[in-house]
């Protein structure tokens, strides 16, 4: 009979483990604490780091392309000037 005193009712064991695994208050408190620590130390979460830029409008694409072409043209012109100076000296 002493053995039965040590054994718990299975419903009590189930209730206790279920409450431990499904304690939403503790989960929320941990999430709030993590957000606070991340904000305090300026830590980026993986989702914030992987945010994709917004898609460019056609007008922005054209202006970027024009700016890149102008930069490359200026670079090529400077190279030509430097090559001419190098041949003269």
N, C-alpha and C. Protein backbone atom coordinates (compact mmCIF):
# COMPACT_ATOMS: atom_id res chain seq x y z
N UNK A 1 0.80 -1.21 0.00
CA UNK A 1 0.00 0.00 0.00
C UNK A 1 0.84 1.27 0.00
N UNK A 2 2.05 1.21 0.51
CA UNK A 2 2.89 2.39 0.54
C UNK A 2 3.31 2.81 -0.87
N UNK A 3 3.39 1.88 -1.77
CA UNK A 3 3.77 2.19 -3.14
C UNK A 3 2.72 3.11 -3.77
N UNK A 4 1.47 2.90 -3.52
CA UNK A 4 0.40 3.72 -4.09
C UNK A 4 0.44 5.15 -3.55
N UNK A 5 0.94 5.34 -2.36
CA UNK A 5 1.03 6.69 -1.80
C UNK A 5 2.06 7.52 -2.56
N UNK A 6 3.11 6.87 -3.06
CA UNK A 6 4.16 7.60 -3.79
C UNK A 6 3.75 7.92 -5.22
N UNK A 7 2.87 7.12 -5.77
CA UNK A 7 2.43 7.36 -7.15
C UNK A 7 1.38 8.44 -7.19
N UNK A 8 1.49 9.30 -8.19
CA UNK A 8 0.50 10.37 -8.35
C UNK A 8 -0.54 9.94 -9.38
N UNK A 9 -1.64 10.56 -9.31
CA UNK A 9 -2.68 10.32 -10.31
C UNK A 9 -2.17 10.84 -11.65
N UNK A 10 -2.34 10.11 -12.72
CA UNK A 10 -1.84 10.50 -14.03
C UNK A 10 -2.41 11.83 -14.51
N UNK A 11 -3.63 12.14 -14.12
CA UNK A 11 -4.19 13.43 -14.54
C UNK A 11 -3.43 14.58 -13.90
N UNK A 12 -2.99 14.41 -12.65
CA UNK A 12 -2.20 15.47 -12.00
C UNK A 12 -0.85 15.64 -12.70
N UNK A 13 -0.22 14.53 -13.05
CA UNK A 13 1.07 14.60 -13.75
C UNK A 13 0.89 15.28 -15.11
N UNK A 14 -0.16 14.88 -15.83
CA UNK A 14 -0.42 15.47 -17.14
C UNK A 14 -0.70 16.97 -17.01
N UNK A 15 -1.54 17.35 -16.06
CA UNK A 15 -1.86 18.77 -15.87
C UNK A 15 -0.63 19.58 -15.54
N UNK A 16 0.22 19.04 -14.69
CA UNK A 16 1.42 19.78 -14.29
C UNK A 16 2.37 19.96 -15.48
N UNK A 17 2.61 18.92 -16.25
CA UNK A 17 3.51 19.03 -17.40
C UNK A 17 2.90 19.90 -18.50
N UNK A 18 1.59 19.80 -18.68
CA UNK A 18 0.95 20.62 -19.70
C UNK A 18 1.06 22.09 -19.35
N UNK A 19 0.83 22.44 -18.10
CA UNK A 19 0.95 23.83 -17.66
C UNK A 19 2.37 24.33 -17.81
N UNK A 20 3.35 23.48 -17.52
CA UNK A 20 4.75 23.90 -17.65
C UNK A 20 5.11 24.16 -19.11
N UNK A 21 4.56 23.36 -20.02
CA UNK A 21 4.88 23.52 -21.44
C UNK A 21 4.06 24.60 -22.13
N UNK A 22 2.93 24.95 -21.57
CA UNK A 22 2.04 25.91 -22.22
C UNK A 22 1.81 27.15 -21.38
N UNK A 23 2.82 27.58 -20.68
CA UNK A 23 2.70 28.76 -19.83
C UNK A 23 2.97 30.00 -20.68
N UNK A 24 1.92 30.63 -21.17
CA UNK A 24 2.05 31.77 -22.06
C UNK A 24 2.59 33.00 -21.36
N UNK A 25 2.30 33.15 -20.07
CA UNK A 25 2.78 34.32 -19.34
C UNK A 25 4.30 34.35 -19.30
N UNK A 26 4.91 33.20 -19.05
CA UNK A 26 6.37 33.13 -18.99
C UNK A 26 6.95 33.40 -20.38
N UNK A 27 6.33 32.84 -21.41
CA UNK A 27 6.83 33.07 -22.77
C UNK A 27 6.77 34.55 -23.14
N UNK A 28 5.67 35.20 -22.81
CA UNK A 28 5.53 36.63 -23.11
C UNK A 28 6.55 37.45 -22.35
N UNK A 29 6.77 37.11 -21.09
CA UNK A 29 7.75 37.84 -20.28
C UNK A 29 9.15 37.68 -20.87
N UNK A 30 9.49 36.48 -21.31
CA UNK A 30 10.81 36.26 -21.92
C UNK A 30 10.95 37.03 -23.22
N UNK A 31 9.89 37.07 -24.02
CA UNK A 31 9.95 37.82 -25.28
C UNK A 31 10.12 39.31 -25.03
N UNK A 32 9.39 39.84 -24.04
CA UNK A 32 9.52 41.26 -23.70
C UNK A 32 10.92 41.58 -23.21
N UNK A 33 11.47 40.70 -22.37
CA UNK A 33 12.82 40.92 -21.86
C UNK A 33 13.83 40.87 -23.00
N UNK A 34 13.66 39.92 -23.92
CA UNK A 34 14.59 39.82 -25.06
C UNK A 34 14.50 41.06 -25.94
N UNK A 35 13.29 41.55 -26.20
CA UNK A 35 13.14 42.76 -27.00
C UNK A 35 13.80 43.95 -26.32
N UNK A 36 13.64 44.05 -25.00
CA UNK A 36 14.25 45.15 -24.26
C UNK A 36 15.77 45.10 -24.35
N UNK A 37 16.34 43.91 -24.13
CA UNK A 37 17.80 43.75 -24.19
C UNK A 37 18.31 44.06 -25.59
N UNK A 38 17.60 43.55 -26.62
CA UNK A 38 18.01 43.81 -28.00
C UNK A 38 17.98 45.30 -28.31
N UNK A 39 16.95 45.98 -27.83
CA UNK A 39 16.84 47.41 -28.09
C UNK A 39 17.91 48.18 -27.32
N UNK A 40 18.19 47.75 -26.09
CA UNK A 40 19.18 48.45 -25.26
C UNK A 40 20.57 48.34 -25.87
N UNK A 41 20.92 47.15 -26.39
CA UNK A 41 22.25 46.94 -26.96
C UNK A 41 22.26 47.06 -28.48
N UNK A 42 21.18 47.51 -29.06
CA UNK A 42 21.06 47.73 -30.51
C UNK A 42 21.41 46.46 -31.29
N UNK A 43 20.81 45.35 -30.90
CA UNK A 43 21.04 44.07 -31.56
C UNK A 43 19.97 43.90 -32.64
N UNK A 44 20.41 43.55 -33.82
CA UNK A 44 19.48 43.32 -34.92
C UNK A 44 19.07 41.87 -34.93
N UNK A 45 17.80 41.63 -35.05
CA UNK A 45 17.31 40.26 -35.16
C UNK A 45 17.52 39.79 -36.59
N UNK A 46 17.58 38.49 -36.80
CA UNK A 46 17.80 38.00 -38.17
C UNK A 46 16.75 38.49 -39.16
N UNK A 47 15.52 38.65 -38.74
CA UNK A 47 14.49 39.14 -39.66
C UNK A 47 14.73 40.60 -40.04
N UNK A 48 15.19 41.40 -39.08
CA UNK A 48 15.46 42.81 -39.40
C UNK A 48 16.65 42.94 -40.33
N UNK A 49 17.64 42.05 -40.19
CA UNK A 49 18.81 42.11 -41.06
C UNK A 49 18.47 41.71 -42.48
N UNK A 50 17.50 40.82 -42.65
CA UNK A 50 17.19 40.30 -43.97
C UNK A 50 16.06 41.05 -44.66
N UNK A 51 15.71 42.22 -44.14
CA UNK A 51 14.64 42.97 -44.79
C UNK A 51 15.09 43.36 -46.20
N UNK A 52 14.28 43.04 -47.14
CA UNK A 52 14.61 43.35 -48.52
C UNK A 52 14.23 44.79 -48.82
N UNK A 53 15.01 45.45 -49.68
CA UNK A 53 14.65 46.81 -50.04
C UNK A 53 13.37 46.82 -50.87
N UNK A 54 12.70 47.95 -50.82
CA UNK A 54 11.46 48.05 -51.59
C UNK A 54 11.81 48.05 -53.07
N UNK A 55 10.94 47.52 -53.90
CA UNK A 55 11.23 47.49 -55.34
C UNK A 55 11.32 48.91 -55.91
N UNK A 56 12.21 49.06 -56.86
CA UNK A 56 12.41 50.37 -57.48
C UNK A 56 11.34 50.61 -58.54
N UNK A 57 10.94 51.85 -58.62
CA UNK A 57 10.01 52.23 -59.67
C UNK A 57 10.79 52.32 -61.00
N UNK A 58 10.11 52.26 -62.11
CA UNK A 58 10.82 52.38 -63.39
C UNK A 58 11.63 53.68 -63.49
N UNK A 59 11.09 54.76 -62.94
CA UNK A 59 11.80 56.03 -62.98
C UNK A 59 13.11 55.95 -62.18
N UNK A 60 13.06 55.30 -61.02
CA UNK A 60 14.28 55.14 -60.20
C UNK A 60 15.28 54.23 -60.90
N UNK A 61 14.80 53.19 -61.57
CA UNK A 61 15.69 52.30 -62.30
C UNK A 61 16.42 53.04 -63.42
N UNK A 62 15.67 53.88 -64.12
CA UNK A 62 16.27 54.64 -65.23
C UNK A 62 17.30 55.63 -64.69
N UNK A 63 16.98 56.32 -63.59
CA UNK A 63 17.93 57.29 -63.04
C UNK A 63 19.17 56.59 -62.51
N UNK A 64 19.02 55.41 -61.91
CA UNK A 64 20.19 54.66 -61.45
C UNK A 64 21.06 54.22 -62.62
N UNK A 65 20.43 53.75 -63.66
CA UNK A 65 21.18 53.33 -64.85
C UNK A 65 21.92 54.50 -65.47
N UNK A 66 21.26 55.66 -65.56
CA UNK A 66 21.89 56.85 -66.13
C UNK A 66 23.08 57.28 -65.27
N UNK A 67 22.91 57.24 -63.95
CA UNK A 67 24.01 57.63 -63.05
C UNK A 67 25.19 56.66 -63.19
N UNK A 68 24.90 55.37 -63.30
CA UNK A 68 25.98 54.39 -63.48
C UNK A 68 26.71 54.58 -64.80
N UNK A 69 25.95 54.87 -65.86
CA UNK A 69 26.57 55.09 -67.17
C UNK A 69 27.45 56.34 -67.15
N UNK A 70 26.97 57.40 -66.51
CA UNK A 70 27.77 58.63 -66.42
C UNK A 70 29.04 58.40 -65.62
N UNK A 71 28.93 57.64 -64.54
CA UNK A 71 30.11 57.36 -63.72
C UNK A 71 31.14 56.57 -64.52
N UNK A 72 30.69 55.57 -65.25
CA UNK A 72 31.60 54.76 -66.04
C UNK A 72 32.24 55.59 -67.16
N UNK A 73 31.47 56.47 -67.77
CA UNK A 73 32.00 57.33 -68.82
C UNK A 73 33.07 58.27 -68.26
N UNK A 74 32.79 58.87 -67.08
CA UNK A 74 33.78 59.74 -66.45
C UNK A 74 35.06 58.97 -66.10
N UNK A 75 34.91 57.73 -65.63
CA UNK A 75 36.05 56.89 -65.29
C UNK A 75 36.89 56.60 -66.52
N UNK A 76 36.22 56.25 -67.62
CA UNK A 76 36.95 55.96 -68.87
C UNK A 76 37.67 57.20 -69.40
N UNK A 77 37.01 58.35 -69.32
CA UNK A 77 37.64 59.59 -69.78
C UNK A 77 38.88 59.91 -68.94
N UNK A 78 38.80 59.72 -67.63
CA UNK A 78 39.95 60.00 -66.76
C UNK A 78 41.10 59.04 -67.07
N UNK A 79 40.75 57.79 -67.38
CA UNK A 79 41.80 56.83 -67.75
C UNK A 79 42.49 57.23 -69.05
N UNK A 80 41.73 57.68 -70.02
CA UNK A 80 42.33 58.13 -71.28
C UNK A 80 43.27 59.30 -71.03
N UNK A 81 42.83 60.25 -70.20
CA UNK A 81 43.68 61.42 -69.91
C UNK A 81 44.96 60.96 -69.21
N UNK A 82 44.83 60.05 -68.24
CA UNK A 82 46.01 59.57 -67.53
C UNK A 82 46.96 58.81 -68.45
N UNK A 83 46.43 58.05 -69.40
CA UNK A 83 47.28 57.34 -70.35
C UNK A 83 48.03 58.30 -71.27
N UNK A 84 47.36 59.37 -71.68
CA UNK A 84 48.02 60.38 -72.52
C UNK A 84 49.12 61.07 -71.73
N UNK A 85 48.85 61.44 -70.47
CA UNK A 85 49.87 62.08 -69.64
C UNK A 85 51.05 61.15 -69.43
N UNK A 86 50.79 59.87 -69.27
CA UNK A 86 51.88 58.90 -69.05
C UNK A 86 52.77 58.76 -70.27
N UNK A 87 52.20 58.87 -71.46
CA UNK A 87 52.99 58.75 -72.69
C UNK A 87 53.85 59.99 -72.91
N UNK A 88 53.34 61.15 -72.46
CA UNK A 88 54.07 62.40 -72.67
C UNK A 88 55.28 62.46 -71.74
N UNK A 89 55.10 62.02 -70.49
CA UNK A 89 56.21 62.11 -69.52
C UNK A 89 57.18 61.04 -69.76
